[in-house]
Full PDB file with SEQRES, HELIX, SHEET, SSBOND, CRYST1, ORIGX, SCALE, CONECT and MASTER records, all heavy atoms in Angstrom:
SEQRES   1 A   38  ASP PHE ILE TRP ASP LEU LYS LEU PRO SER ASN TYR LYS          
SEQRES   2 A   38  PHE LEU VAL HIS LYS LEU PHE ASP GLU CYS GLY LEU SER          
SEQRES   3 A   38  GLU LEU SER LYS LYS ASP VAL TYR ALA ARG LEU CYS              
HELIX    1 AA1 PHE A    2  LYS A    7  1                                   6    
HELIX    2 AA2 TYR A   12  LEU A   19  1                                   8    
HELIX    3 AA3 GLU A   22  LEU A   25  1                                   4    
HELIX    4 AA4 LYS A   30  LEU A   37  1                                   8    
CRYST1    1.000    1.000    1.000  90.00  90.00  90.00 P 1           1          
ORIGX1      1.000000  0.000000  0.000000        0.00000                         
ORIGX2      0.000000  1.000000  0.000000        0.00000                         
ORIGX3      0.000000  0.000000  1.000000        0.00000                         
SCALE1      1.000000  0.000000  0.000000        0.00000                         
SCALE2      0.000000  1.000000  0.000000        0.00000                         
SCALE3      0.000000  0.000000  1.000000        0.00000                         
ATOM      1  N   ASP A   1       0.814  -1.222   0.000  1.00  0.00           N  
ATOM      2  CA  ASP A   1       0.000   0.000   0.000  1.00  0.00           C  
ATOM      3  C   ASP A   1       0.844   1.267   0.000  1.00  0.00           C  
ATOM      4  O   ASP A   1       0.463   2.265  -0.620  1.00  0.00           O  
ATOM      5  CB  ASP A   1      -0.931   0.010   1.216  1.00  0.00           C  
ATOM      6  CG  ASP A   1      -2.230  -0.748   0.972  1.00  0.00           C  
ATOM      7  OD1 ASP A   1      -2.469  -1.142  -0.187  1.00  0.00           O  
ATOM      8  OD2 ASP A   1      -2.999  -0.927   1.920  1.00  0.00           O  
ATOM      9  N   PHE A   2       1.997   1.252   0.692  1.00  0.00           N  
ATOM     10  CA  PHE A   2       2.775   2.486   0.774  1.00  0.00           C  
ATOM     11  C   PHE A   2       3.332   2.898  -0.584  1.00  0.00           C  
ATOM     12  O   PHE A   2       3.591   4.076  -0.825  1.00  0.00           O  
ATOM     13  CB  PHE A   2       3.902   2.362   1.816  1.00  0.00           C  
ATOM     14  CG  PHE A   2       5.102   1.567   1.373  1.00  0.00           C  
ATOM     15  CD1 PHE A   2       6.147   2.169   0.692  1.00  0.00           C  
ATOM     16  CD2 PHE A   2       5.189   0.210   1.664  1.00  0.00           C  
ATOM     17  CE1 PHE A   2       7.260   1.439   0.307  1.00  0.00           C  
ATOM     18  CE2 PHE A   2       6.299  -0.519   1.284  1.00  0.00           C  
ATOM     19  CZ  PHE A   2       7.337   0.087   0.600  1.00  0.00           C  
ATOM     20  N   ILE A   3       3.502   1.918  -1.503  1.00  0.00           N  
ATOM     21  CA  ILE A   3       3.932   2.254  -2.866  1.00  0.00           C  
ATOM     22  C   ILE A   3       2.838   3.042  -3.577  1.00  0.00           C  
ATOM     23  O   ILE A   3       3.077   4.093  -4.171  1.00  0.00           O  
ATOM     24  CB  ILE A   3       4.262   0.979  -3.667  1.00  0.00           C  
ATOM     25  CG1 ILE A   3       5.494   0.280  -3.103  1.00  0.00           C  
ATOM     26  CG2 ILE A   3       4.470   1.320  -5.145  1.00  0.00           C  
ATOM     27  CD1 ILE A   3       5.839  -1.014  -3.825  1.00  0.00           C  
ATOM     28  N   TRP A   4       1.615   2.539  -3.499  1.00  0.00           N  
ATOM     29  CA  TRP A   4       0.514   3.134  -4.260  1.00  0.00           C  
ATOM     30  C   TRP A   4      -0.050   4.368  -3.596  1.00  0.00           C  
ATOM     31  O   TRP A   4      -0.714   5.182  -4.251  1.00  0.00           O  
ATOM     32  CB  TRP A   4      -0.547   2.072  -4.510  1.00  0.00           C  
ATOM     33  CG  TRP A   4       0.027   0.984  -5.363  1.00  0.00           C  
ATOM     34  CD1 TRP A   4       0.550  -0.198  -4.943  1.00  0.00           C  
ATOM     35  CD2 TRP A   4       0.231   1.033  -6.777  1.00  0.00           C  
ATOM     36  NE1 TRP A   4       1.054  -0.908  -6.008  1.00  0.00           N  
ATOM     37  CE2 TRP A   4       0.873  -0.179  -7.139  1.00  0.00           C  
ATOM     38  CE3 TRP A   4      -0.069   1.965  -7.767  1.00  0.00           C  
ATOM     39  CZ2 TRP A   4       1.214  -0.470  -8.465  1.00  0.00           C  
ATOM     40  CZ3 TRP A   4       0.270   1.677  -9.087  1.00  0.00           C  
ATOM     41  CH2 TRP A   4       0.901   0.479  -9.426  1.00  0.00           C  
ATOM     42  N   ASP A   5       0.233   4.559  -2.313  1.00  0.00           N  
ATOM     43  CA  ASP A   5      -0.086   5.833  -1.673  1.00  0.00           C  
ATOM     44  C   ASP A   5       0.646   6.981  -2.366  1.00  0.00           C  
ATOM     45  O   ASP A   5       0.132   8.097  -2.465  1.00  0.00           O  
ATOM     46  CB  ASP A   5       0.318   5.797  -0.192  1.00  0.00           C  
ATOM     47  CG  ASP A   5      -0.832   5.389   0.706  1.00  0.00           C  
ATOM     48  OD1 ASP A   5      -1.988   5.658   0.328  1.00  0.00           O  
ATOM     49  OD2 ASP A   5      -0.588   4.795   1.766  1.00  0.00           O  
ATOM     50  N   LEU A   6       1.856   6.689  -2.847  1.00  0.00           N  
ATOM     51  CA  LEU A   6       2.651   7.704  -3.532  1.00  0.00           C  
ATOM     52  C   LEU A   6       2.186   7.922  -4.969  1.00  0.00           C  
ATOM     53  O   LEU A   6       2.433   8.979  -5.549  1.00  0.00           O  
ATOM     54  CB  LEU A   6       4.133   7.298  -3.540  1.00  0.00           C  
ATOM     55  CG  LEU A   6       4.794   7.130  -2.172  1.00  0.00           C  
ATOM     56  CD1 LEU A   6       6.204   6.562  -2.334  1.00  0.00           C  
ATOM     57  CD2 LEU A   6       4.843   8.463  -1.443  1.00  0.00           C  
ATOM     58  N   LYS A   7       1.532   6.926  -5.558  1.00  0.00           N  
ATOM     59  CA  LYS A   7       1.110   7.011  -6.956  1.00  0.00           C  
ATOM     60  C   LYS A   7      -0.300   7.576  -7.099  1.00  0.00           C  
ATOM     61  O   LYS A   7      -0.609   8.222  -8.110  1.00  0.00           O  
ATOM     62  CB  LYS A   7       1.167   5.622  -7.615  1.00  0.00           C  
ATOM     63  CG  LYS A   7       2.484   4.881  -7.423  1.00  0.00           C  
ATOM     64  CD  LYS A   7       3.682   5.678  -7.892  1.00  0.00           C  
ATOM     65  CE  LYS A   7       4.983   4.927  -7.599  1.00  0.00           C  
ATOM     66  NZ  LYS A   7       6.173   5.733  -7.962  1.00  0.00           N  
ATOM     67  N   LEU A   8      -1.154   7.330  -6.112  1.00  0.00           N  
ATOM     68  CA  LEU A   8      -2.518   7.846  -6.178  1.00  0.00           C  
ATOM     69  C   LEU A   8      -2.527   9.368  -6.050  1.00  0.00           C  
ATOM     70  O   LEU A   8      -1.686   9.942  -5.347  1.00  0.00           O  
ATOM     71  CB  LEU A   8      -3.354   7.246  -5.050  1.00  0.00           C  
ATOM     72  CG  LEU A   8      -3.822   5.802  -5.232  1.00  0.00           C  
ATOM     73  CD1 LEU A   8      -4.269   5.213  -3.903  1.00  0.00           C  
ATOM     74  CD2 LEU A   8      -4.949   5.729  -6.259  1.00  0.00           C  
ATOM     75  N   PRO A   9      -3.447  10.052  -6.741  1.00  0.00           N  
ATOM     76  CA  PRO A   9      -3.548  11.512  -6.573  1.00  0.00           C  
ATOM     77  C   PRO A   9      -3.924  11.855  -5.139  1.00  0.00           C  
ATOM     78  O   PRO A   9      -4.558  11.064  -4.439  1.00  0.00           O  
ATOM     79  CB  PRO A   9      -4.654  11.904  -7.562  1.00  0.00           C  
ATOM     80  CG  PRO A   9      -5.426  10.648  -7.794  1.00  0.00           C  
ATOM     81  CD  PRO A   9      -4.446   9.529  -7.680  1.00  0.00           C  
ATOM     82  N   SER A  10      -3.535  13.027  -4.712  1.00  0.00           N  
ATOM     83  CA  SER A  10      -3.758  13.427  -3.319  1.00  0.00           C  
ATOM     84  C   SER A  10      -5.239  13.445  -2.943  1.00  0.00           C  
ATOM     85  O   SER A  10      -5.586  13.308  -1.776  1.00  0.00           O  
ATOM     86  CB  SER A  10      -3.134  14.809  -3.071  1.00  0.00           C  
ATOM     87  OG  SER A  10      -3.744  15.792  -3.919  1.00  0.00           O  
ATOM     88  N   ASN A  11      -6.103  13.618  -3.944  1.00  0.00           N  
ATOM     89  CA  ASN A  11      -7.542  13.686  -3.667  1.00  0.00           C  
ATOM     90  C   ASN A  11      -8.258  12.392  -4.035  1.00  0.00           C  
ATOM     91  O   ASN A  11      -9.457  12.410  -4.336  1.00  0.00           O  
ATOM     92  CB  ASN A  11      -8.161  14.850  -4.449  1.00  0.00           C  
ATOM     93  CG  ASN A  11      -8.181  14.589  -5.950  1.00  0.00           C  
ATOM     94  OD1 ASN A  11      -7.325  13.850  -6.468  1.00  0.00           O  
ATOM     95  ND2 ASN A  11      -9.122  15.172  -6.659  1.00  0.00           N  
ATOM     96  N   TYR A  12      -7.557  11.259  -3.990  1.00  0.00           N  
ATOM     97  CA  TYR A  12      -8.177  10.026  -4.458  1.00  0.00           C  
ATOM     98  C   TYR A  12      -9.416   9.642  -3.643  1.00  0.00           C  
ATOM     99  O   TYR A  12     -10.356   9.042  -4.177  1.00  0.00           O  
ATOM    100  CB  TYR A  12      -7.156   8.886  -4.490  1.00  0.00           C  
ATOM    101  CG  TYR A  12      -6.918   8.193  -3.173  1.00  0.00           C  
ATOM    102  CD1 TYR A  12      -7.669   7.071  -2.803  1.00  0.00           C  
ATOM    103  CD2 TYR A  12      -5.945   8.640  -2.291  1.00  0.00           C  
ATOM    104  CE1 TYR A  12      -7.457   6.438  -1.594  1.00  0.00           C  
ATOM    105  CE2 TYR A  12      -5.721   8.008  -1.081  1.00  0.00           C  
ATOM    106  CZ  TYR A  12      -6.478   6.905  -0.739  1.00  0.00           C  
ATOM    107  OH  TYR A  12      -6.270   6.289   0.462  1.00  0.00           O  
ATOM    108  N   LYS A  13      -9.443  10.014  -2.359  1.00  0.00           N  
ATOM    109  CA  LYS A  13     -10.630   9.705  -1.558  1.00  0.00           C  
ATOM    110  C   LYS A  13     -11.847  10.481  -2.058  1.00  0.00           C  
ATOM    111  O   LYS A  13     -12.969   9.963  -2.079  1.00  0.00           O  
ATOM    112  CB  LYS A  13     -10.354  10.006  -0.086  1.00  0.00           C  
ATOM    113  CG  LYS A  13      -9.344   9.074   0.551  1.00  0.00           C  
ATOM    114  CD  LYS A  13      -9.149   9.383   2.028  1.00  0.00           C  
ATOM    115  CE  LYS A  13      -8.140   8.429   2.658  1.00  0.00           C  
ATOM    116  NZ  LYS A  13      -7.915   8.734   4.095  1.00  0.00           N  
ATOM    117  N   PHE A  14     -11.618  11.727  -2.470  1.00  0.00           N  
ATOM    118  CA  PHE A  14     -12.704  12.518  -3.063  1.00  0.00           C  
ATOM    119  C   PHE A  14     -13.182  11.857  -4.352  1.00  0.00           C  
ATOM    120  O   PHE A  14     -14.393  11.779  -4.619  1.00  0.00           O  
ATOM    121  CB  PHE A  14     -12.216  13.941  -3.341  1.00  0.00           C  
ATOM    122  CG  PHE A  14     -13.149  14.769  -4.177  1.00  0.00           C  
ATOM    123  CD1 PHE A  14     -14.218  15.452  -3.606  1.00  0.00           C  
ATOM    124  CD2 PHE A  14     -12.971  14.865  -5.559  1.00  0.00           C  
ATOM    125  CE1 PHE A  14     -15.081  16.210  -4.385  1.00  0.00           C  
ATOM    126  CE2 PHE A  14     -13.826  15.628  -6.341  1.00  0.00           C  
ATOM    127  CZ  PHE A  14     -14.888  16.303  -5.751  1.00  0.00           C  
ATOM    128  N   LEU A  15     -12.244  11.375  -5.172  1.00  0.00           N  
ATOM    129  CA  LEU A  15     -12.603  10.737  -6.437  1.00  0.00           C  
ATOM    130  C   LEU A  15     -13.399   9.460  -6.197  1.00  0.00           C  
ATOM    131  O   LEU A  15     -14.404   9.207  -6.876  1.00  0.00           O  
ATOM    132  CB  LEU A  15     -11.337  10.424  -7.244  1.00  0.00           C  
ATOM    133  CG  LEU A  15     -10.446  11.607  -7.620  1.00  0.00           C  
ATOM    134  CD1 LEU A  15      -9.234  11.130  -8.414  1.00  0.00           C  
ATOM    135  CD2 LEU A  15     -11.222  12.649  -8.412  1.00  0.00           C  
ATOM    136  N   VAL A  16     -12.954   8.656  -5.242  1.00  0.00           N  
ATOM    137  CA  VAL A  16     -13.664   7.414  -4.927  1.00  0.00           C  
ATOM    138  C   VAL A  16     -15.080   7.719  -4.460  1.00  0.00           C  
ATOM    139  O   VAL A  16     -16.051   7.064  -4.870  1.00  0.00           O  
ATOM    140  CB  VAL A  16     -12.888   6.619  -3.858  1.00  0.00           C  
ATOM    141  CG1 VAL A  16     -13.741   5.481  -3.307  1.00  0.00           C  
ATOM    142  CG2 VAL A  16     -11.592   6.062  -4.447  1.00  0.00           C  
ATOM    143  N   HIS A  17     -15.215   8.735  -3.602  1.00  0.00           N  
ATOM    144  CA  HIS A  17     -16.541   9.121  -3.114  1.00  0.00           C  
ATOM    145  C   HIS A  17     -17.422   9.627  -4.254  1.00  0.00           C  
ATOM    146  O   HIS A  17     -18.630   9.366  -4.287  1.00  0.00           O  
ATOM    147  CB  HIS A  17     -16.395  10.200  -2.039  1.00  0.00           C  
ATOM    148  CG  HIS A  17     -17.710  10.723  -1.522  1.00  0.00           C  
ATOM    149  ND1 HIS A  17     -18.519  10.005  -0.665  1.00  0.00           N  
ATOM    150  CD2 HIS A  17     -18.360  11.900  -1.762  1.00  0.00           C  
ATOM    151  CE1 HIS A  17     -19.606  10.700  -0.408  1.00  0.00           C  
ATOM    152  NE2 HIS A  17     -19.539  11.843  -1.045  1.00  0.00           N  
ATOM    153  N   LYS A  18     -16.827  10.317  -5.202  1.00  0.00           N  
ATOM    154  CA  LYS A  18     -17.579  10.902  -6.311  1.00  0.00           C  
ATOM    155  C   LYS A  18     -18.002   9.842  -7.333  1.00  0.00           C  
ATOM    156  O   LYS A  18     -19.098   9.930  -7.904  1.00  0.00           O  
ATOM    157  CB  LYS A  18     -16.711  11.959  -7.004  1.00  0.00           C  
ATOM    158  CG  LYS A  18     -17.346  12.659  -8.201  1.00  0.00           C  
ATOM    159  CD  LYS A  18     -18.366  13.680  -7.771  1.00  0.00           C  
ATOM    160  CE  LYS A  18     -18.902  14.463  -8.961  1.00  0.00           C  
ATOM    161  NZ  LYS A  18     -19.958  15.418  -8.565  1.00  0.00           N  
ATOM    162  N   LEU A  19     -17.150   8.849  -7.553  1.00  0.00           N  
ATOM    163  CA  LEU A  19     -17.347   7.945  -8.686  1.00  0.00           C  
ATOM    164  C   LEU A  19     -17.874   6.564  -8.328  1.00  0.00           C  
ATOM    165  O   LEU A  19     -18.492   5.906  -9.160  1.00  0.00           O  
ATOM    166  CB  LEU A  19     -16.021   7.771  -9.449  1.00  0.00           C  
ATOM    167  CG  LEU A  19     -15.353   9.046  -9.968  1.00  0.00           C  
ATOM    168  CD1 LEU A  19     -14.003   8.712 -10.581  1.00  0.00           C  
ATOM    169  CD2 LEU A  19     -16.231   9.748 -10.990  1.00  0.00           C  
ATOM    170  N   PHE A  20     -17.611   6.118  -7.094  1.00  0.00           N  
ATOM    171  CA  PHE A  20     -17.914   4.723  -6.768  1.00  0.00           C  
ATOM    172  C   PHE A  20     -18.733   4.597  -5.486  1.00  0.00           C  
ATOM    173  O   PHE A  20     -18.838   5.534  -4.701  1.00  0.00           O  
ATOM    174  CB  PHE A  20     -16.612   3.917  -6.586  1.00  0.00           C  
ATOM    175  CG  PHE A  20     -15.695   3.953  -7.768  1.00  0.00           C  
ATOM    176  CD1 PHE A  20     -14.465   4.610  -7.690  1.00  0.00           C  
ATOM    177  CD2 PHE A  20     -16.018   3.337  -8.963  1.00  0.00           C  
ATOM    178  CE1 PHE A  20     -13.604   4.652  -8.762  1.00  0.00           C  
ATOM    179  CE2 PHE A  20     -15.165   3.365 -10.041  1.00  0.00           C  
ATOM    180  CZ  PHE A  20     -13.957   4.031  -9.947  1.00  0.00           C  
ATOM    181  N   ASP A  21     -19.215   3.391  -5.304  1.00  0.00           N  
ATOM    182  CA  ASP A  21     -19.797   2.996  -4.025  1.00  0.00           C  
ATOM    183  C   ASP A  21     -18.633   2.649  -3.098  1.00  0.00           C  
ATOM    184  O   ASP A  21     -17.960   1.638  -3.283  1.00  0.00           O  
ATOM    185  CB  ASP A  21     -20.706   1.786  -4.219  1.00  0.00           C  
ATOM    186  CG  ASP A  21     -21.258   1.266  -2.902  1.00  0.00           C  
ATOM    187  OD1 ASP A  21     -21.037   1.917  -1.863  1.00  0.00           O  
ATOM    188  OD2 ASP A  21     -21.896   0.202  -2.919  1.00  0.00           O  
ATOM    189  N   GLU A  22     -18.367   3.501  -2.119  1.00  0.00           N  
ATOM    190  CA  GLU A  22     -17.196   3.317  -1.264  1.00  0.00           C  
ATOM    191  C   GLU A  22     -17.217   1.973  -0.533  1.00  0.00           C  
ATOM    192  O   GLU A  22     -16.163   1.402  -0.261  1.00  0.00           O  
ATOM    193  CB  GLU A  22     -17.099   4.460  -0.252  1.00  0.00           C  
ATOM    194  CG  GLU A  22     -16.748   5.794  -0.882  1.00  0.00           C  
ATOM    195  CD  GLU A  22     -16.578   6.893   0.149  1.00  0.00           C  
ATOM    196  OE1 GLU A  22     -15.486   6.996   0.725  1.00  0.00           O  
ATOM    197  OE2 GLU A  22     -17.552   7.631   0.369  1.00  0.00           O  
ATOM    198  N   CYS A  23     -18.389   1.470  -0.241  1.00  0.00           N  
ATOM    199  CA  CYS A  23     -18.466   0.186   0.456  1.00  0.00           C  
ATOM    200  C   CYS A  23     -17.866  -0.921  -0.408  1.00  0.00           C  
ATOM    201  O   CYS A  23     -17.224  -1.841   0.092  1.00  0.00           O  
ATOM    202  CB  CYS A  23     -19.916  -0.153   0.799  1.00  0.00           C  
ATOM    203  SG  CYS A  23     -20.668   0.998   1.987  1.00  0.00           S  
ATOM    204  N   GLY A  24     -18.064  -0.805  -1.711  1.00  0.00           N  
ATOM    205  CA  GLY A  24     -17.533  -1.826  -2.607  1.00  0.00           C  
ATOM    206  C   GLY A  24     -16.032  -1.768  -2.762  1.00  0.00           C  
ATOM    207  O   GLY A  24     -15.404  -2.737  -3.197  1.00  0.00           O  
ATOM    208  N   LEU A  25     -15.419  -0.632  -2.432  1.00  0.00           N  
ATOM    209  CA  LEU A  25     -13.980  -0.475  -2.587  1.00  0.00           C  
ATOM    210  C   LEU A  25     -13.216  -0.584  -1.272  1.00  0.00           C  
ATOM    211  O   LEU A  25     -11.995  -0.568  -1.269  1.00  0.00           O  
ATOM    212  CB  LEU A  25     -13.676   0.890  -3.221  1.00  0.00           C  
ATOM    213  CG  LEU A  25     -14.140   1.105  -4.662  1.00  0.00           C  
ATOM    214  CD1 LEU A  25     -13.732   2.479  -5.142  1.00  0.00           C  
ATOM    215  CD2 LEU A  25     -13.558   0.049  -5.588  1.00  0.00           C  
ATOM    216  N   SER A  26     -13.945  -0.698  -0.169  1.00  0.00           N  
ATOM    217  CA  SER A  26     -13.286  -0.657   1.136  1.00  0.00           C  
ATOM    218  C   SER A  26     -12.319  -1.816   1.336  1.00  0.00           C  
ATOM    219  O   SER A  26     -11.364  -1.707   2.112  1.00  0.00           O  
ATOM    220  CB  SER A  26     -14.331  -0.648   2.255  1.00  0.00           C  
ATOM    221  OG  SER A  26     -15.153  -1.812   2.172  1.00  0.00           O  
ATOM    222  N   GLU A  27     -12.563  -2.933   0.663  1.00  0.00           N  
ATOM    223  CA  GLU A  27     -11.711  -4.103   0.841  1.00  0.00           C  
ATOM    224  C   GLU A  27     -10.571  -4.156  -0.164  1.00  0.00           C  
ATOM    225  O   GLU A  27      -9.729  -5.047  -0.106  1.00  0.00           O  
ATOM    226  CB  GLU A  27     -12.552  -5.381   0.713  1.00  0.00           C  
ATOM    227  CG  GLU A  27     -13.717  -5.472   1.699  1.00  0.00           C  
ATOM    228  CD  GLU A  27     -13.236  -5.431   3.138  1.00  0.00           C  
ATOM    229  OE1 GLU A  27     -12.191  -6.034   3.433  1.00  0.00           O  
ATOM    230  OE2 GLU A  27     -13.916  -4.786   3.964  1.00  0.00           O  
ATOM    231  N   LEU A  28     -10.518  -3.222  -1.093  1.00  0.00           N  
ATOM    232  CA  LEU A  28      -9.489  -3.251  -2.129  1.00  0.00           C  
ATOM    233  C   LEU A  28      -8.176  -2.674  -1.619  1.00  0.00           C  
ATOM    234  O   LEU A  28      -8.149  -1.778  -0.781  1.00  0.00           O  
ATOM    235  CB  LEU A  28      -9.946  -2.465  -3.355  1.00  0.00           C  
ATOM    236  CG  LEU A  28     -11.153  -2.999  -4.127  1.00  0.00           C  
ATOM    237  CD1 LEU A  28     -11.434  -2.113  -5.326  1.00  0.00           C  
ATOM    238  CD2 LEU A  28     -10.923  -4.429  -4.583  1.00  0.00           C  
ATOM    239  N   SER A  29      -7.072  -3.169  -2.168  1.00  0.00           N  
ATOM    240  CA  SER A  29      -5.762  -2.598  -1.874  1.00  0.00           C  
ATOM    241  C   SER A  29      -5.622  -1.271  -2.614  1.00  0.00           C  
ATOM    242  O   SER A  29      -6.386  -0.965  -3.541  1.00  0.00           O  
ATOM    243  CB  SER A  29      -4.661  -3.557  -2.317  1.00  0.00           C  
ATOM    244  OG  SER A  29      -4.642  -3.665  -3.739  1.00  0.00           O  
ATOM    245  N   LYS A  30      -4.632  -0.476  -2.227  1.00  0.00           N  
ATOM    246  CA  LYS A  30      -4.390   0.802  -2.911  1.00  0.00           C  
ATOM    247  C   LYS A  30      -4.039   0.569  -4.386  1.00  0.00           C  
ATOM    248  O   LYS A  30      -4.375   1.375  -5.249  1.00  0.00           O  
ATOM    249  CB  LYS A  30      -3.268   1.559  -2.211  1.00  0.00           C  
ATOM    250  CG  LYS A  30      -3.582   1.956  -0.767  1.00  0.00           C  
ATOM    251  CD  LYS A  30      -4.665   2.998  -0.704  1.00  0.00           C  
ATOM    252  CE  LYS A  30      -4.991   3.379   0.751  1.00  0.00           C  
ATOM    253  NZ  LYS A  30      -3.851   3.982   1.445  1.00  0.00           N  
ATOM    254  N   LYS A  31      -3.360  -0.531  -4.659  1.00  0.00           N  
ATOM    255  CA  LYS A  31      -3.031  -0.857  -6.055  1.00  0.00           C  
ATOM    256  C   LYS A  31      -4.299  -1.083  -6.874  1.00  0.00           C  
ATOM    257  O   LYS A  31      -4.413  -0.610  -8.013  1.00  0.00           O  
ATOM    258  CB  LYS A  31      -2.155  -2.103  -6.101  1.00  0.00           C  
ATOM    259  CG  LYS A  31      -1.767  -2.550  -7.506  1.00  0.00           C  
ATOM    260  CD  LYS A  31      -0.931  -3.817  -7.481  1.00  0.00           C  
ATOM    261  CE  LYS A  31      -0.577  -4.275  -8.891  1.00  0.00           C  
ATOM    262  NZ  LYS A  31       0.236  -5.523  -8.877  1.00  0.00           N  
ATOM    263  N   ASP A  32      -5.260  -1.793  -6.290  1.00  0.00           N  
ATOM    264  CA  ASP A  32      -6.517  -2.051  -6.996  1.00  0.00           C  
ATOM    265  C   ASP A  32      -7.337  -0.771  -7.165  1.00  0.00           C  
ATOM    266  O   ASP A  32      -8.016  -0.594  -8.188  1.00  0.00           O  
ATOM    267  CB  ASP A  32      -7.333  -3.101  -6.247  1.00  0.00           C  
ATOM    268  CG  ASP A  32      -6.695  -4.485  -6.317  1.00  0.00           C  
ATOM    269  OD1 ASP A  32      -5.983  -4.746  -7.301  1.00  0.00           O  
ATOM    270  OD2 ASP A  32      -6.901  -5.284  -5.380  1.00  0.00           O  
ATOM    271  N   VAL A  33      -7.284   0.117  -6.168  1.00  0.00           N  
ATOM    272  CA  VAL A  33      -7.976   1.401  -6.298  1.00  0.00           C  
ATOM    273  C   VAL A  33      -7.362   2.196  -7.454  1.00  0.00           C  
ATOM    274  O   VAL A  33      -8.084   2.795  -8.263  1.00  0.00           O  
ATOM    275  CB  VAL A  33      -7.882   2.205  -4.987  1.00  0.00           C  
ATOM    276  CG1 VAL A  33      -8.425   3.617  -5.184  1.00  0.00           C  
ATOM    277  CG2 VAL A  33      -8.647   1.501  -3.879  1.00  0.00           C  
ATOM    278  N   TYR A  34      -6.032   2.184  -7.544  1.00  0.00           N  
ATOM    279  CA  TYR A  34      -5.348   2.872  -8.648  1.00  0.00           C  
ATOM    280  C   TYR A  34      -5.810   2.299  -9.997  1.00  0.00           C  
ATOM    281  O   TYR A  34      -6.119   3.049 -10.937  1.00  0.00           O  
ATOM    282  CB  TYR A  34      -3.841   2.720  -8.496  1.00  0.00           C  
ATOM    283  CG  TYR A  34      -3.027   3.548  -9.464  1.00  0.00           C  
ATOM    284  CD1 TYR A  34      -2.559   4.809  -9.106  1.00  0.00           C  
ATOM    285  CD2 TYR A  34      -2.720   3.073 -10.736  1.00  0.00           C  
ATOM    286  CE1 TYR A  34      -1.812   5.575  -9.986  1.00  0.00           C  
ATOM    287  CE2 TYR A  34      -1.985   3.835 -11.624  1.00  0.00           C  
ATOM    288  CZ  TYR A  34      -1.527   5.083 -11.248  1.00  0.00           C  
ATOM    289  OH  TYR A  34      -0.786   5.842 -12.144  1.00  0.00           O  
ATOM    290  N   ALA A  35      -5.857   0.980 -10.078  1.00  0.00           N  
ATOM    291  CA  ALA A  35      -6.270   0.335 -11.326  1.00  0.00           C  
ATOM    292  C   ALA A  35      -7.701   0.705 -11.690  1.00  0.00           C  
ATOM    293  O   ALA A  35      -8.009   0.962 -12.869  1.00  0.00           O  
ATOM    294  CB  ALA A  35      -6.130  -1.180 -11.197  1.00  0.00           C  
ATOM    295  N   ARG A  36      -8.590   0.754 -10.695  1.00  0.00           N  
ATOM    296  CA  ARG A  36      -9.983   1.116 -10.966  1.00  0.00           C  
ATOM    297  C   ARG A  36     -10.086   2.556 -11.481  1.00  0.00           C  
ATOM    298  O   ARG A  36     -10.858   2.846 -12.393  1.00  0.00           O  
ATOM    299  CB  ARG A  36     -10.821   0.964  -9.693  1.00  0.00           C  
ATOM    300  CG  ARG A  36     -11.118  -0.470  -9.300  1.00  0.00           C  
ATOM    301  CD  ARG A  36     -12.161  -1.112 -10.198  1.00  0.00           C  
ATOM    302  NE  ARG A  36     -13.440  -0.430 -10.163  1.00  0.00           N  
ATOM    303  CZ  ARG A  36     -14.412  -0.700  -9.295  1.00  0.00           C  
ATOM    304  NH1 ARG A  36     -14.228  -1.642  -8.381  1.00  0.00           N  
ATOM    305  NH2 ARG A  36     -15.547  -0.045  -9.342  1.00  0.00           N  
ATOM    306  N   LEU A  37      -9.298   3.458 -10.897  1.00  0.00           N  
ATOM    307  CA  LEU A  37      -9.360   4.861 -11.315  1.00  0.00           C  
ATOM    308  C   LEU A  37      -8.726   5.084 -12.683  1.00  0.00           C  
ATOM    309  O   LEU A  37      -9.025   6.081 -13.343  1.00  0.00           O  
ATOM    310  CB  LEU A  37      -8.661   5.741 -10.273  1.00  0.00           C  
ATOM    311  CG  LEU A  37      -9.412   5.922  -8.947  1.00  0.00           C  
ATOM    312  CD1 LEU A  37      -8.539   6.652  -7.933  1.00  0.00           C  
ATOM    313  CD2 LEU A  37     -10.723   6.684  -9.160  1.00  0.00           C  
ATOM    314  N   CYS A  38      -7.861   4.179 -13.111  1.00  0.00           N  
ATOM    315  CA  CYS A  38      -7.257   4.313 -14.440  1.00  0.00           C  
ATOM    316  C   CYS A  38      -8.248   3.962 -15.553  1.00  0.00           C  
ATOM    317  O   CYS A  38      -8.040   4.345 -16.708  1.00  0.00           O  
ATOM    318  CB  CYS A  38      -6.013   3.436 -14.557  1.00  0.00           C  
ATOM    319  SG  CYS A  38      -4.561   4.103 -13.715  1.00  0.00           S  
TER     320      CYS A  38                                                      
MASTER        0    0    0    4    0    0    0    6  319    1    0    3          
END                                                                             
């Protein structure tokens, strides 16, 4: 996770809240969140 914390945009939590059902992403790793946002 610490690798992808550096790669995700600083506002990724805002993006996740805006675009997705946060409950569905809560179990994903930061790498998977990055892949979903790409």
